[in-house]
Amino acid sequence: MLTMTVPAQFETQLRHIAEIEKTPTNDLIDMALATFIEDYLDSKAIKETWQAVERGEEKLLTMAEVKRRLDELDN
């Protein structure tokens, strides 16, 4: 288990939000960490994909190309 110290400013804001949402502060912290981790992993995947595009290993498609290819799959 990880223990952390929350700065007073954040603690006050968390308690306020917890009261409004009628949710324990621990649940809010869990949600915030889950969102941070998901965003971090998404960002990392985007960076890796962009690097693959720059190396010529991946290709970007326009929305028109994507729609055309999807239409071809339907036929």
PDB file of N, CA and C in Angstrom:
ATOM      1  N   MET A   1       0.849  -1.184   0.000  1.00  0.00           N
ATOM      2  CA  MET A   1       0.000   0.000   0.000  1.00  0.00           C
ATOM      3  C   MET A   1       0.886   1.235   0.000  1.00  0.00           C
ATOM      4  N   LEU A   2       0.480   2.210  -0.750  1.00  0.00           N
ATOM      5  CA  LEU A   2       1.202   3.466  -0.884  1.00  0.00           C
ATOM      6  C   LEU A   2       0.556   4.512   0.010  1.00  0.00           C
ATOM      7  N   THR A   3       1.386   5.262   0.691  1.00  0.00           N
ATOM      8  CA  THR A   3       0.892   6.357   1.528  1.00  0.00           C
ATOM      9  C   THR A   3       1.447   7.656   0.966  1.00  0.00           C
ATOM     10  N   MET A   4       0.612   8.694   0.971  1.00  0.00           N
ATOM     11  CA  MET A   4       1.087   9.964   0.440  1.00  0.00           C
ATOM     12  C   MET A   4       0.589  11.118   1.311  1.00  0.00           C
ATOM     13  N   THR A   5       1.310  12.209   1.267  1.00  0.00           N
ATOM     14  CA  THR A   5       0.908  13.422   1.951  1.00  0.00           C
ATOM     15  C   THR A   5       0.276  14.340   0.917  1.00  0.00           C
ATOM     16  N   VAL A   6      -0.921  14.798   1.198  1.00  0.00           N
ATOM     17  CA  VAL A   6      -1.638  15.683   0.282  1.00  0.00           C
ATOM     18  C   VAL A   6      -1.460  17.113   0.784  1.00  0.00           C
ATOM     19  N   PRO A   7      -1.002  18.022  -0.085  1.00  0.00           N
ATOM     20  CA  PRO A   7      -0.872  19.419   0.334  1.00  0.00           C
ATOM     21  C   PRO A   7      -2.218  19.955   0.846  1.00  0.00           C
ATOM     22  N   ALA A   8      -2.146  20.850   1.808  1.00  0.00           N
ATOM     23  CA  ALA A   8      -3.350  21.380   2.461  1.00  0.00           C
ATOM     24  C   ALA A   8      -4.355  21.931   1.451  1.00  0.00           C
ATOM     25  N   GLN A   9      -3.873  22.614   0.433  1.00  0.00           N
ATOM     26  CA  GLN A   9      -4.752  23.193  -0.589  1.00  0.00           C
ATOM     27  C   GLN A   9      -5.574  22.088  -1.257  1.00  0.00           C
ATOM     28  N   PHE A  10      -4.921  20.999  -1.638  1.00  0.00           N
ATOM     29  CA  PHE A  10      -5.629  19.901  -2.284  1.00  0.00           C
ATOM     30  C   PHE A  10      -6.571  19.197  -1.318  1.00  0.00           C
ATOM     31  N   GLU A  11      -6.145  19.065  -0.086  1.00  0.00           N
ATOM     32  CA  GLU A  11      -6.996  18.414   0.911  1.00  0.00           C
ATOM     33  C   GLU A  11      -8.300  19.185   1.091  1.00  0.00           C
ATOM     34  N   THR A  12      -8.195  20.498   1.165  1.00  0.00           N
ATOM     35  CA  THR A  12      -9.387  21.336   1.310  1.00  0.00           C
ATOM     36  C   THR A  12     -10.300  21.171   0.108  1.00  0.00           C
ATOM     37  N   GLN A  13      -9.725  21.216  -1.075  1.00  0.00           N
ATOM     38  CA  GLN A  13     -10.521  21.061  -2.291  1.00  0.00           C
ATOM     39  C   GLN A  13     -11.143  19.669  -2.375  1.00  0.00           C
ATOM     40  N   LEU A  14     -10.374  18.645  -2.019  1.00  0.00           N
ATOM     41  CA  LEU A  14     -10.900  17.281  -2.030  1.00  0.00           C
ATOM     42  C   LEU A  14     -12.072  17.119  -1.073  1.00  0.00           C
ATOM     43  N   ARG A  15     -11.914  17.647   0.120  1.00  0.00           N
ATOM     44  CA  ARG A  15     -13.006  17.545   1.097  1.00  0.00           C
ATOM     45  C   ARG A  15     -14.257  18.259   0.591  1.00  0.00           C
ATOM     46  N   HIS A  16     -14.067  19.413  -0.030  1.00  0.00           N
ATOM     47  CA  HIS A  16     -15.195  20.167  -0.573  1.00  0.00           C
ATOM     48  C   HIS A  16     -15.906  19.365  -1.677  1.00  0.00           C
ATOM     49  N   ILE A  17     -15.124  18.823  -2.598  1.00  0.00           N
ATOM     50  CA  ILE A  17     -15.699  18.020  -3.681  1.00  0.00           C
ATOM     51  C   ILE A  17     -16.368  16.773  -3.121  1.00  0.00           C
ATOM     52  N   ALA A  18     -15.752  16.155  -2.141  1.00  0.00           N
ATOM     53  CA  ALA A  18     -16.322  14.953  -1.529  1.00  0.00           C
ATOM     54  C   ALA A  18     -17.688  15.248  -0.911  1.00  0.00           C
ATOM     55  N   GLU A  19     -17.798  16.399  -0.291  1.00  0.00           N
ATOM     56  CA  GLU A  19     -19.094  16.790   0.283  1.00  0.00           C
ATOM     57  C   GLU A  19     -20.141  16.988  -0.814  1.00  0.00           C
ATOM     58  N   ILE A  20     -19.758  17.676  -1.870  1.00  0.00           N
ATOM     59  CA  ILE A  20     -20.686  17.933  -2.971  1.00  0.00           C
ATOM     60  C   ILE A  20     -21.128  16.612  -3.615  1.00  0.00           C
ATOM     61  N   GLU A  21     -20.167  15.736  -3.878  1.00  0.00           N
ATOM     62  CA  GLU A  21     -20.436  14.479  -4.584  1.00  0.00           C
ATOM     63  C   GLU A  21     -20.897  13.358  -3.660  1.00  0.00           C
ATOM     64  N   LYS A  22     -20.838  13.625  -2.354  1.00  0.00           N
ATOM     65  CA  LYS A  22     -21.186  12.602  -1.360  1.00  0.00           C
ATOM     66  C   LYS A  22     -20.380  11.318  -1.619  1.00  0.00           C
ATOM     67  N   THR A  23     -19.080  11.535  -1.781  1.00  0.00           N
ATOM     68  CA  THR A  23     -18.131  10.463  -2.080  1.00  0.00           C
ATOM     69  C   THR A  23     -16.945  10.584  -1.137  1.00  0.00           C
ATOM     70  N   PRO A  24     -16.449   9.467  -0.611  1.00  0.00           N
ATOM     71  CA  PRO A  24     -15.263   9.544   0.252  1.00  0.00           C
ATOM     72  C   PRO A  24     -14.056  10.132  -0.495  1.00  0.00           C
ATOM     73  N   THR A  25     -13.244  10.876   0.224  1.00  0.00           N
ATOM     74  CA  THR A  25     -12.062  11.488  -0.404  1.00  0.00           C
ATOM     75  C   THR A  25     -11.139  10.423  -0.989  1.00  0.00           C
ATOM     76  N   ASN A  26     -11.044   9.266  -0.349  1.00  0.00           N
ATOM     77  CA  ASN A  26     -10.191   8.198  -0.893  1.00  0.00           C
ATOM     78  C   ASN A  26     -10.664   7.770  -2.278  1.00  0.00           C
ATOM     79  N   ASP A  27     -11.982   7.725  -2.485  1.00  0.00           N
ATOM     80  CA  ASP A  27     -12.515   7.363  -3.795  1.00  0.00           C
ATOM     81  C   ASP A  27     -12.155   8.417  -4.834  1.00  0.00           C
ATOM     82  N   LEU A  28     -12.199   9.690  -4.438  1.00  0.00           N
ATOM     83  CA  LEU A  28     -11.816  10.763  -5.365  1.00  0.00           C
ATOM     84  C   LEU A  28     -10.341  10.649  -5.746  1.00  0.00           C
ATOM     85  N   ILE A  29      -9.511  10.345  -4.766  1.00  0.00           N
ATOM     86  CA  ILE A  29      -8.078  10.183  -5.033  1.00  0.00           C
ATOM     87  C   ILE A  29      -7.858   8.988  -5.954  1.00  0.00           C
ATOM     88  N   ASP A  30      -8.568   7.884  -5.713  1.00  0.00           N
ATOM     89  CA  ASP A  30      -8.465   6.709  -6.585  1.00  0.00           C
ATOM     90  C   ASP A  30      -8.847   7.065  -8.014  1.00  0.00           C
ATOM     91  N   MET A  31      -9.951   7.799  -8.178  1.00  0.00           N
ATOM     92  CA  MET A  31     -10.400   8.189  -9.516  1.00  0.00           C
ATOM     93  C   MET A  31      -9.374   9.097 -10.190  1.00  0.00           C
ATOM     94  N   ALA A  32      -8.816  10.036  -9.421  1.00  0.00           N
ATOM     95  CA  ALA A  32      -7.825  10.954  -9.983  1.00  0.00           C
ATOM     96  C   ALA A  32      -6.574  10.204 -10.432  1.00  0.00           C
ATOM     97  N   LEU A  33      -6.122   9.261  -9.620  1.00  0.00           N
ATOM     98  CA  LEU A  33      -4.939   8.481  -9.988  1.00  0.00           C
ATOM     99  C   LEU A  33      -5.219   7.594 -11.201  1.00  0.00           C
ATOM    100  N   ALA A  34      -6.399   6.989 -11.240  1.00  0.00           N
ATOM    101  CA  ALA A  34      -6.758   6.142 -12.382  1.00  0.00           C
ATOM    102  C   ALA A  34      -6.784   6.979 -13.663  1.00  0.00           C
ATOM    103  N   THR A  35      -7.333   8.182 -13.588  1.00  0.00           N
ATOM    104  CA  THR A  35      -7.385   9.068 -14.748  1.00  0.00           C
ATOM    105  C   THR A  35      -5.980   9.479 -15.167  1.00  0.00           C
ATOM    106  N   PHE A  36      -5.138   9.817 -14.197  1.00  0.00           N
ATOM    107  CA  PHE A  36      -3.757  10.199 -14.502  1.00  0.00           C
ATOM    108  C   PHE A  36      -3.019   9.063 -15.194  1.00  0.00           C
ATOM    109  N   ILE A  37      -3.137   7.857 -14.655  1.00  0.00           N
ATOM    110  CA  ILE A  37      -2.431   6.714 -15.226  1.00  0.00           C
ATOM    111  C   ILE A  37      -2.935   6.424 -16.635  1.00  0.00           C
ATOM    112  N   GLU A  38      -4.242   6.460 -16.840  1.00  0.00           N
ATOM    113  CA  GLU A  38      -4.807   6.233 -18.170  1.00  0.00           C
ATOM    114  C   GLU A  38      -4.318   7.290 -19.153  1.00  0.00           C
ATOM    115  N   ASP A  39      -4.329   8.559 -18.742  1.00  0.00           N
ATOM    116  CA  ASP A  39      -3.851   9.638 -19.607  1.00  0.00           C
ATOM    117  C   ASP A  39      -2.371   9.474 -19.920  1.00  0.00           C
ATOM    118  N   TYR A  40      -1.592   9.089 -18.922  1.00  0.00           N
ATOM    119  CA  TYR A  40      -0.154   8.882 -19.114  1.00  0.00           C
ATOM    120  C   TYR A  40       0.094   7.780 -20.142  1.00  0.00           C
ATOM    121  N   LEU A  41      -0.593   6.653 -19.977  1.00  0.00           N
ATOM    122  CA  LEU A  41      -0.402   5.536 -20.895  1.00  0.00           C
ATOM    123  C   LEU A  41      -0.871   5.891 -22.306  1.00  0.00           C
ATOM    124  N   ASP A  42      -1.984   6.621 -22.418  1.00  0.00           N
ATOM    125  CA  ASP A  42      -2.456   7.084 -23.726  1.00  0.00           C
ATOM    126  C   ASP A  42      -1.416   7.987 -24.381  1.00  0.00           C
ATOM    127  N   SER A  43      -0.873   8.909 -23.607  1.00  0.00           N
ATOM    128  CA  SER A  43       0.130   9.834 -24.112  1.00  0.00           C
ATOM    129  C   SER A  43       1.371   9.089 -24.595  1.00  0.00           C
ATOM    130  N   LYS A  44       1.783   8.096 -23.825  1.00  0.00           N
ATOM    131  CA  LYS A  44       2.954   7.303 -24.199  1.00  0.00           C
ATOM    132  C   LYS A  44       2.694   6.541 -25.497  1.00  0.00           C
ATOM    133  N   ALA A  45       1.501   5.957 -25.635  1.00  0.00           N
ATOM    134  CA  ALA A  45       1.152   5.225 -26.857  1.00  0.00           C
ATOM    135  C   ALA A  45       1.121   6.160 -28.056  1.00  0.00           C
ATOM    136  N   ILE A  46       0.583   7.358 -27.872  1.00  0.00           N
ATOM    137  CA  ILE A  46       0.539   8.336 -28.959  1.00  0.00           C
ATOM    138  C   ILE A  46       1.951   8.714 -29.388  1.00  0.00           C
ATOM    139  N   LYS A  47       2.817   8.957 -28.406  1.00  0.00           N
ATOM    140  CA  LYS A  47       4.202   9.326 -28.721  1.00  0.00           C
ATOM    141  C   LYS A  47       4.892   8.205 -29.492  1.00  0.00           C
ATOM    142  N   GLU A  48       4.702   6.959 -29.052  1.00  0.00           N
ATOM    143  CA  GLU A  48       5.327   5.831 -29.738  1.00  0.00           C
ATOM    144  C   GLU A  48       4.784   5.675 -31.155  1.00  0.00           C
ATOM    145  N   THR A  49       3.483   5.862 -31.326  1.00  0.00           N
ATOM    146  CA  THR A  49       2.889   5.765 -32.659  1.00  0.00           C
ATOM    147  C   THR A  49       3.408   6.872 -33.561  1.00  0.00           C
ATOM    148  N   TRP A  50       3.491   8.088 -33.024  1.00  0.00           N
ATOM    149  CA  TRP A  50       3.992   9.207 -33.827  1.00  0.00           C
ATOM    150  C   TRP A  50       5.433   8.959 -34.255  1.00  0.00           C
ATOM    151  N   GLN A  51       6.240   8.401 -33.364  1.00  0.00           N
ATOM    152  CA  GLN A  51       7.630   8.082 -33.718  1.00  0.00           C
ATOM    153  C   GLN A  51       7.672   7.034 -34.828  1.00  0.00           C
ATOM    154  N   ALA A  52       6.743   6.066 -34.785  1.00  0.00           N
ATOM    155  CA  ALA A  52       6.672   5.056 -35.846  1.00  0.00           C
ATOM    156  C   ALA A  52       6.273   5.703 -37.165  1.00  0.00           C
ATOM    157  N   VAL A  53       5.395   6.685 -37.126  1.00  0.00           N
ATOM    158  CA  VAL A  53       5.008   7.422 -38.337  1.00  0.00           C
ATOM    159  C   VAL A  53       6.225   8.147 -38.887  1.00  0.00           C
ATOM    160  N   GLU A  54       6.965   8.801 -38.017  1.00  0.00           N
ATOM    161  CA  GLU A  54       8.151   9.544 -38.461  1.00  0.00           C
ATOM    162  C   GLU A  54       9.204   8.617 -39.068  1.00  0.00           C
ATOM    163  N   ARG A  55       9.284   7.376 -38.572  1.00  0.00           N
ATOM    164  CA  ARG A  55      10.241   6.409 -39.117  1.00  0.00           C
ATOM    165  C   ARG A  55       9.707   5.735 -40.387  1.00  0.00           C
ATOM    166  N   GLY A  56       8.466   6.022 -40.739  1.00  0.00           N
ATOM    167  CA  GLY A  56       7.864   5.425 -41.920  1.00  0.00           C
ATOM    168  C   GLY A  56       7.292   4.040 -41.678  1.00  0.00           C
ATOM    169  N   GLU A  57       7.184   3.628 -40.420  1.00  0.00           N
ATOM    170  CA  GLU A  57       6.652   2.304 -40.090  1.00  0.00           C
ATOM    171  C   GLU A  57       5.129   2.295 -39.995  1.00  0.00           C
ATOM    172  N   GLU A  58       4.542   3.459 -39.827  1.00  0.00           N
ATOM    173  CA  GLU A  58       3.085   3.614 -39.757  1.00  0.00           C
ATOM    174  C   GLU A  58       2.694   4.720 -40.727  1.00  0.00           C
ATOM    175  N   LYS A  59       1.442   4.692 -41.171  1.00  0.00           N
ATOM    176  CA  LYS A  59       0.968   5.691 -42.111  1.00  0.00           C
ATOM    177  C   LYS A  59      -0.271   6.371 -41.534  1.00  0.00           C
ATOM    178  N   LEU A  60      -0.346   7.687 -41.707  1.00  0.00           N
ATOM    179  CA  LEU A  60      -1.536   8.423 -41.309  1.00  0.00           C
ATOM    180  C   LEU A  60      -2.530   8.434 -42.458  1.00  0.00           C
ATOM    181  N   LEU A  61      -3.812   8.332 -42.119  1.00  0.00           N
ATOM    182  CA  LEU A  61      -4.863   8.376 -43.125  1.00  0.00           C
ATOM    183  C   LEU A  61      -5.758   9.574 -42.862  1.00  0.00           C
ATOM    184  N   THR A  62      -6.269  10.152 -43.945  1.00  0.00           N
ATOM    185  CA  THR A  62      -7.253  11.222 -43.782  1.00  0.00           C
ATOM    186  C   THR A  62      -8.586  10.578 -43.390  1.00  0.00           C
ATOM    187  N   MET A  63      -9.500  11.387 -42.891  1.00  0.00           N
ATOM    188  CA  MET A  63     -10.817  10.872 -42.532  1.00  0.00           C
ATOM    189  C   MET A  63     -11.519  10.313 -43.769  1.00  0.00           C
ATOM    190  N   ALA A  64     -11.316  10.960 -44.907  1.00  0.00           N
ATOM    191  CA  ALA A  64     -11.917  10.483 -46.156  1.00  0.00           C
ATOM    192  C   ALA A  64     -11.399   9.081 -46.501  1.00  0.00           C
ATOM    193  N   GLU A  65     -10.093   8.849 -46.303  1.00  0.00           N
ATOM    194  CA  GLU A  65      -9.526   7.529 -46.575  1.00  0.00           C
ATOM    195  C   GLU A  65     -10.092   6.473 -45.622  1.00  0.00           C
ATOM    196  N   VAL A  66     -10.231   6.848 -44.375  1.00  0.00           N
ATOM    197  CA  VAL A  66     -10.781   5.914 -43.382  1.00  0.00           C
ATOM    198  C   VAL A  66     -12.210   5.547 -43.756  1.00  0.00           C
ATOM    199  N   LYS A  67     -13.020   6.543 -44.102  1.00  0.00           N
ATOM    200  CA  LYS A  67     -14.410   6.287 -44.488  1.00  0.00           C
ATOM    201  C   LYS A  67     -14.478   5.407 -45.736  1.00  0.00           C
ATOM    202  N   ARG A  68     -13.612   5.689 -46.710  1.00  0.00           N
ATOM    203  CA  ARG A  68     -13.592   4.892 -47.935  1.00  0.00           C
ATOM    204  C   ARG A  68     -13.259   3.440 -47.622  1.00  0.00           C
ATOM    205  N   ARG A  69     -12.258   3.228 -46.779  1.00  0.00           N
ATOM    206  CA  ARG A  69     -11.871   1.856 -46.430  1.00  0.00           C
ATOM    207  C   ARG A  69     -12.980   1.146 -45.640  1.00  0.00           C
ATOM    208  N   LEU A  70     -13.647   1.871 -44.777  1.00  0.00           N
ATOM    209  CA  LEU A  70     -14.760   1.277 -44.039  1.00  0.00           C
ATOM    210  C   LEU A  70     -15.894   0.906 -44.963  1.00  0.00           C
ATOM    211  N   ASP A  71     -16.172   1.771 -45.939  1.00  0.00           N
ATOM    212  CA  ASP A  71     -17.214   1.481 -46.924  1.00  0.00           C
ATOM    213  C   ASP A  71     -16.854   0.235 -47.732  1.00  0.00           C
ATOM    214  N   GLU A  72     -15.577   0.083 -48.062  1.00  0.00           N
ATOM    215  CA  GLU A  72     -15.121  -1.088 -48.812  1.00  0.00           C
ATOM    216  C   GLU A  72     -15.337  -2.365 -47.986  1.00  0.00           C
ATOM    217  N   LEU A  73     -15.164  -2.287 -46.689  1.00  0.00           N
ATOM    218  CA  LEU A  73     -15.371  -3.453 -45.834  1.00  0.00           C
ATOM    219  C   LEU A  73     -16.841  -3.861 -45.777  1.00  0.00           C
ATOM    220  N   ASP A  74     -17.718  -2.872 -45.870  1.00  0.00           N
ATOM    221  CA  ASP A  74     -19.166  -3.152 -45.835  1.00  0.00           C
ATOM    222  C   ASP A  74     -19.648  -3.829 -47.107  1.00  0.00           C
ATOM    223  N   ASN A  75     -18.923  -3.635 -48.199  1.00  0.00           N
ATOM    224  CA  ASN A  75     -19.355  -4.186 -49.500  1.00  0.00           C
ATOM    225  C   ASN A  75     -18.798  -5.540 -49.743  1.00  0.00           C
TER     226      ASN A  75
END
